[in-house]
Amino acid sequence: MEASSFIFTYPSSSPSISKTHFEFSFPYPSFPLSSPLRRYPCTIHKNTVKLLCTRTTLRNSALTIEEEQAQAQALEKSKDAFSTSTSSRDMLPKIDKSGRFCSPRAARELALSIVYAACLEGSDPVRLFEKRMNARREPGYEFDKGSLLEYNHMCFGGPPVTVETVEEADELLSNDEKETAIEVLAAPPKLVYSKLILRFTRKILVAVMERWDSHVLVIDKVAPANWKNEPAGRILELCILHLAMSEITVLGTRHQIVINEAVDLAKRFCDGAAPRIINGCLRTFVKDLEGTGVAQALDKPKVIR
């Protein structure tokens, strides 16, 4: 059962505004215990509105993964180049020759949107991803590929902005609405992302499901108390932690790259201190992981030849 949504803005008479916020309301029935991800009611930030818009109007196509190994090296080089530094990220093209997103950042954003929607629905992220891949588009649907050039992966929210006049506030709200209107994350995936990026997205989602239960326990240890006390309000932040931890432990991406990417996702889609907290949680996770690896290596019996 898919969630039905009602999205609306909170108008403000004050000229001091921060990010536009939206409320996401949906039925909250009981869900089967076999559901891999729990479903929560929550409040959605402005930049995450597109994360929730799962279409049932996508092109009918199946995602295949037989070519993963053949292109793994190329993807790893792309990931490294994308995340080594800000300057290198700026130099890496985000659009390939076919006019589709080709950067690993796009794959991580797509994976985040899928895991987030799966948490709201109480469904399996991999199945939800395949559902989006296989769904049919509505007759006459057209996607404006020019929106891919307008979409900015590196557009971060920043602190609240204070303006002096109502006109300035209206202008900021208008700019926010224009950015939100760019249809990318809710568009048919095959029209937006290259085949390589779609394969990488699926690999991330499979890794998340493989380590979900164990990483729930890890996150319970490293996350701040206020996040654990109000998990329904921190679903997006917790999803970022799951994605990052799974990419480190299952896919083997260097932790420096993954942490930088996770922090950037938090800057783009979360509010407040989330980027700093996610950075600290992941560094603690990596430190514990490295300590466990050293301990396991010391416990292994030495073979004398």
Protein backbone atom coordinates (compact mmCIF):
# COMPACT_ATOMS: atom_id res chain seq x y z
CA MET A 1 0.00 0.00 0.00
CA GLU A 2 1.50 3.29 -1.03
CA ALA A 3 1.28 6.40 1.07
CA SER A 4 -1.00 9.16 -0.09
CA SER A 5 0.43 12.59 0.49
CA PHE A 6 -0.81 16.08 1.18
CA ILE A 7 1.89 18.71 0.80
CA PHE A 8 1.41 22.30 1.79
CA THR A 9 3.54 25.24 2.89
CA TYR A 10 3.40 27.20 6.08
CA PRO A 11 3.03 30.87 5.11
CA SER A 12 4.96 33.31 7.24
CA SER A 13 4.20 36.95 7.87
CA SER A 14 7.66 37.51 9.27
CA PRO A 15 10.38 38.74 6.90
CA SER A 16 12.84 36.42 8.67
CA ILE A 17 12.64 33.08 6.89
CA SER A 18 14.65 29.90 6.70
CA LYS A 19 14.00 26.91 4.47
CA THR A 20 10.48 26.29 3.26
CA HIS A 21 8.97 23.34 5.12
CA PHE A 22 6.30 20.91 4.02
CA GLU A 23 4.18 18.48 5.97
CA PHE A 24 3.68 14.96 4.66
CA SER A 25 0.50 13.24 5.87
CA PHE A 26 -0.49 9.69 5.07
CA PRO A 27 -2.45 6.73 6.45
CA TYR A 28 -0.74 5.09 9.40
CA PRO A 29 -2.10 1.53 9.50
CA SER A 30 -0.33 -1.44 10.99
CA PHE A 31 2.24 -3.00 8.72
CA PRO A 32 3.48 -6.61 8.49
CA LEU A 33 6.36 -7.56 10.72
CA SER A 34 8.20 -8.81 7.67
CA SER A 35 8.46 -5.28 6.28
CA PRO A 36 12.19 -4.50 6.26
CA LEU A 37 11.85 -0.78 6.94
CA ARG A 38 9.50 0.81 9.43
CA ARG A 39 7.02 3.46 8.35
CA TYR A 40 6.85 6.78 10.20
CA PRO A 41 4.90 10.03 9.97
CA CYS A 42 7.28 12.95 9.66
CA THR A 43 7.96 16.50 8.57
CA ILE A 44 9.74 16.99 5.28
CA HIS A 45 12.23 19.73 4.45
CA LYS A 46 11.88 21.81 1.30
CA ASN A 47 14.66 20.12 -0.64
CA THR A 48 13.28 16.66 0.11
CA VAL A 49 9.87 17.16 -1.45
CA LYS A 50 11.08 15.60 -4.69
CA LEU A 51 12.40 12.62 -2.71
CA LEU A 52 8.85 11.59 -1.84
CA CYS A 53 7.27 11.80 -5.28
CA THR A 54 7.42 8.20 -6.48
CA ARG A 55 5.68 7.97 -9.84
CA THR A 56 3.63 5.11 -11.18
CA THR A 57 4.12 6.51 -14.67
CA LEU A 58 7.63 5.40 -15.55
CA ARG A 59 8.82 3.63 -18.66
CA ASN A 60 8.44 -0.19 -18.65
CA SER A 61 11.94 -1.54 -18.35
CA ALA A 62 13.89 -3.94 -16.19
CA LEU A 63 17.19 -3.15 -14.53
CA THR A 64 19.90 -5.66 -15.34
CA ILE A 65 23.13 -6.01 -13.39
CA GLU A 66 25.11 -8.50 -15.45
CA GLU A 67 27.53 -5.79 -16.62
CA GLU A 68 28.42 -4.58 -13.11
CA GLN A 69 31.80 -6.25 -12.88
CA ALA A 70 32.81 -5.11 -16.36
CA GLN A 71 32.24 -1.47 -15.44
CA ALA A 72 33.17 -1.56 -11.76
CA GLN A 73 36.63 -0.12 -12.31
CA ALA A 74 35.29 2.76 -14.37
CA LEU A 75 32.74 3.55 -11.69
CA GLU A 76 35.32 3.45 -8.91
CA LYS A 77 37.54 5.88 -10.81
CA SER A 78 34.55 8.14 -11.29
CA LYS A 79 33.68 7.96 -7.58
CA ASP A 80 37.23 8.83 -6.58
CA ALA A 81 37.45 11.71 -9.01
CA PHE A 82 34.07 13.03 -7.92
CA SER A 83 34.74 13.03 -4.20
CA THR A 84 38.44 13.76 -3.82
CA SER A 85 38.00 17.52 -3.60
CA THR A 86 35.60 20.30 -4.38
CA SER A 87 37.62 21.42 -7.38
CA SER A 88 37.71 17.95 -8.88
CA ARG A 89 33.96 17.61 -8.33
CA ASP A 90 33.43 20.82 -10.25
CA MET A 91 35.54 19.53 -13.14
CA LEU A 92 33.73 16.18 -13.41
CA PRO A 93 30.89 16.39 -15.94
CA LYS A 94 27.47 15.59 -14.49
CA ILE A 95 25.87 14.87 -17.89
CA ASP A 96 27.09 12.16 -20.28
CA LYS A 97 26.86 12.12 -24.08
CA SER A 98 23.33 10.72 -23.90
CA GLY A 99 22.20 13.70 -21.83
CA ARG A 100 21.83 11.78 -18.55
CA PHE A 101 23.36 12.16 -15.10
CA CYS A 102 26.64 10.25 -14.88
CA SER A 103 28.14 11.27 -11.51
CA PRO A 104 28.13 9.05 -8.42
CA ARG A 105 26.52 11.92 -6.49
CA ALA A 106 23.42 11.42 -8.64
CA ALA A 107 23.37 7.72 -7.72
CA ARG A 108 23.61 8.51 -4.02
CA GLU A 109 20.81 11.08 -4.25
CA LEU A 110 18.60 8.57 -6.05
CA ALA A 111 19.42 5.85 -3.50
CA LEU A 112 18.59 8.26 -0.68
CA SER A 113 15.22 9.09 -2.22
CA ILE A 114 14.38 5.39 -2.59
CA VAL A 115 15.41 4.41 0.96
CA TYR A 116 13.56 7.41 2.38
CA ALA A 117 10.35 6.55 0.51
CA ALA A 118 10.73 2.90 1.55
CA CYS A 119 10.93 3.95 5.21
CA LEU A 120 7.71 5.90 4.85
CA GLU A 121 5.95 2.99 3.17
CA GLY A 122 7.49 0.19 5.22
CA SER A 123 8.65 -1.49 2.02
CA ASP A 124 11.82 -3.01 0.56
CA PRO A 125 14.06 -0.35 -1.07
CA VAL A 126 15.28 -2.69 -3.81
CA ARG A 127 11.74 -3.67 -4.75
CA LEU A 128 10.65 -0.04 -4.67
CA PHE A 129 13.54 0.86 -6.97
CA GLU A 130 12.61 -1.90 -9.41
CA LYS A 131 8.99 -0.80 -9.25
CA ARG A 132 9.99 2.68 -10.35
CA MET A 133 12.16 1.21 -13.09
CA ASN A 134 9.41 -1.04 -14.43
CA ALA A 135 6.38 1.24 -14.14
CA ARG A 136 4.81 2.62 -17.30
CA ARG A 137 4.73 6.26 -18.18
CA GLU A 138 1.46 8.02 -18.81
CA PRO A 139 0.65 8.49 -22.51
CA GLY A 140 1.98 11.80 -23.73
CA TYR A 141 4.41 12.26 -20.83
CA GLU A 142 7.44 14.31 -21.82
CA PHE A 143 10.53 15.00 -19.73
CA ASP A 144 12.43 18.23 -20.19
CA LYS A 145 16.09 17.22 -20.29
CA GLY A 146 17.01 20.86 -19.94
CA SER A 147 16.10 20.53 -16.27
CA LEU A 148 19.14 18.27 -15.80
CA LEU A 149 21.40 21.20 -16.65
CA GLU A 150 19.52 23.43 -14.20
CA TYR A 151 19.71 20.90 -11.37
CA ASN A 152 22.59 21.61 -9.00
CA HIS A 153 23.88 18.74 -6.87
CA MET A 154 26.02 21.18 -4.89
CA CYS A 155 23.26 23.63 -3.93
CA PHE A 156 23.31 23.64 -0.13
CA GLY A 157 20.73 25.16 2.19
CA GLY A 158 22.94 27.00 4.63
CA PRO A 159 21.80 28.88 7.75
CA PRO A 160 18.50 30.79 7.99
CA VAL A 161 18.38 33.99 5.95
CA THR A 162 17.07 37.27 7.39
CA VAL A 163 15.62 39.86 5.02
CA GLU A 164 14.48 43.41 5.63
CA THR A 165 11.39 43.63 3.45
CA VAL A 166 8.43 41.49 2.46
CA GLU A 167 9.48 41.88 -1.18
CA GLU A 168 12.84 40.24 -0.45
CA ALA A 169 11.09 37.43 1.40
CA ASP A 170 8.74 36.89 -1.54
CA GLU A 171 11.71 36.77 -3.91
CA LEU A 172 13.44 34.11 -1.81
CA LEU A 173 10.28 32.04 -1.66
CA SER A 174 9.86 32.39 -5.41
CA ASN A 175 13.41 31.15 -6.00
CA ASP A 176 12.77 28.20 -3.68
CA GLU A 177 9.61 27.32 -5.59
CA LYS A 178 11.47 27.45 -8.91
CA GLU A 179 14.15 25.10 -7.58
CA THR A 180 11.56 22.71 -6.17
CA ALA A 181 9.74 22.69 -9.51
CA ILE A 182 12.77 21.19 -11.29
CA GLU A 183 11.57 17.67 -11.98
CA VAL A 184 14.55 15.37 -11.57
CA LEU A 185 14.29 13.04 -8.58
CA ALA A 186 10.64 12.29 -9.37
CA ALA A 187 11.17 11.76 -13.09
CA PRO A 188 11.46 8.33 -14.78
CA PRO A 189 14.94 7.09 -13.75
CA LYS A 190 15.92 5.87 -17.20
CA LEU A 191 15.38 9.35 -18.62
CA VAL A 192 17.54 10.96 -15.94
CA TYR A 193 20.38 8.57 -15.07
CA SER A 194 22.92 6.66 -17.14
CA LYS A 195 22.92 2.85 -17.03
CA LEU A 196 26.11 2.87 -15.00
CA ILE A 197 24.59 5.15 -12.36
CA LEU A 198 21.42 3.04 -12.16
CA ARG A 199 23.55 -0.07 -11.54
CA PHE A 200 25.50 1.75 -8.85
CA THR A 201 22.24 2.88 -7.22
CA ARG A 202 20.95 -0.67 -7.08
CA LYS A 203 24.22 -1.90 -5.59
CA ILE A 204 23.92 0.70 -2.82
CA LEU A 205 20.33 -0.33 -2.09
CA VAL A 206 21.23 -4.02 -1.96
CA ALA A 207 24.06 -3.17 0.44
CA VAL A 208 21.69 -1.15 2.64
CA MET A 209 19.26 -4.07 2.91
CA GLU A 210 22.08 -6.53 3.58
CA ARG A 211 23.34 -4.56 6.60
CA TRP A 212 20.14 -2.84 7.73
CA ASP A 213 19.61 -4.74 10.99
CA SER A 214 23.25 -4.62 12.07
CA HIS A 215 23.57 -0.93 11.25
CA VAL A 216 20.42 -0.13 13.23
CA LEU A 217 22.35 -1.32 16.30
CA VAL A 218 25.42 0.68 15.31
CA ILE A 219 23.43 3.86 14.74
CA ASP A 220 21.79 3.40 18.13
CA LYS A 221 25.28 3.64 19.65
CA VAL A 222 26.65 6.59 17.68
CA ALA A 223 23.57 8.77 17.10
CA PRO A 224 22.77 11.60 19.55
CA ALA A 225 20.03 11.04 22.11
CA ASN A 226 17.60 13.55 20.58
CA TRP A 227 17.72 11.70 17.25
CA LYS A 228 16.95 8.39 18.94
CA ASN A 229 14.19 9.91 21.05
CA GLU A 230 12.45 11.36 17.98
CA PRO A 231 13.32 9.01 15.10
CA ALA A 232 10.20 9.96 13.14
CA GLY A 233 11.63 13.45 12.69
CA ARG A 234 15.07 12.19 11.67
CA ILE A 235 14.27 9.57 9.05
CA LEU A 236 16.20 11.39 6.35
CA GLU A 237 19.32 11.77 8.50
CA LEU A 238 19.18 8.12 9.57
CA CYS A 239 18.81 7.05 5.94
CA ILE A 240 21.99 8.96 5.06
CA LEU A 241 23.81 7.09 7.83
CA HIS A 242 22.55 3.74 6.53
CA LEU A 243 23.65 4.57 2.99
CA ALA A 244 27.11 5.67 4.06
CA MET A 245 27.76 2.77 6.44
CA SER A 246 26.63 0.23 3.86
CA GLU A 247 28.77 1.72 1.10
CA ILE A 248 31.82 1.56 3.36
CA THR A 249 31.30 -1.97 4.67
CA VAL A 250 29.77 -3.72 1.65
CA LEU A 251 30.95 -1.85 -1.45
CA GLY A 252 34.34 -0.99 -0.01
CA THR A 253 34.37 2.67 -1.04
CA ARG A 254 37.05 4.61 0.83
CA HIS A 255 35.56 6.07 3.97
CA GLN A 256 36.94 9.56 3.28
CA ILE A 257 34.90 9.68 0.06
CA VAL A 258 31.75 8.30 1.66
CA ILE A 259 31.86 10.67 4.63
CA ASN A 260 32.32 13.70 2.38
CA GLU A 261 29.41 12.57 0.21
CA ALA A 262 27.17 11.93 3.22
CA VAL A 263 27.92 15.36 4.68
CA ASP A 264 27.12 16.99 1.34
CA LEU A 265 23.81 15.11 1.15
CA ALA A 266 22.98 16.35 4.64
CA LYS A 267 23.88 19.92 3.67
CA ARG A 268 21.57 19.70 0.67
CA PHE A 269 18.57 17.89 2.14
CA CYS A 270 18.71 18.40 5.93
CA ASP A 271 18.50 21.32 8.33
CA GLY A 272 20.45 22.50 11.34
CA ALA A 273 23.41 20.59 12.70
CA ALA A 274 22.71 17.41 10.72
CA PRO A 275 25.86 17.64 8.52
CA ARG A 276 28.13 18.04 11.55
CA ILE A 277 26.40 15.26 13.48
CA ILE A 278 26.48 12.87 10.52
CA ASN A 279 30.18 13.60 10.07
CA GLY A 280 30.83 12.77 13.72
CA CYS A 281 28.70 9.61 13.68
CA LEU A 282 30.45 8.24 10.60
CA ARG A 283 33.93 9.03 11.89
CA THR A 284 33.11 7.20 15.12
CA PHE A 285 31.75 4.31 13.06
CA VAL A 286 34.92 4.12 10.95
CA LYS A 287 37.14 4.33 14.03
CA ASP A 288 35.28 1.44 15.68
CA LEU A 289 35.34 -0.49 12.41
CA GLU A 290 39.08 -0.10 12.05
CA GLY A 291 39.59 -1.09 15.68
CA THR A 292 37.49 -4.21 15.17
CA GLY A 293 39.47 -5.10 12.06
CA VAL A 294 42.78 -4.80 13.90
CA ALA A 295 41.46 -6.91 16.78
CA GLN A 296 40.25 -9.61 14.41
CA ALA A 297 43.60 -9.65 12.65
CA LEU A 298 45.40 -10.10 15.97
CA ASP A 299 43.06 -12.92 16.98
CA LYS A 300 43.80 -14.92 13.83
CA PRO A 301 46.26 -17.77 14.44
CA LYS A 302 49.62 -17.23 12.81
CA VAL A 303 50.73 -19.86 10.31
CA ILE A 304 54.41 -20.79 10.58
CA ARG A 305 55.83 -22.08 7.34
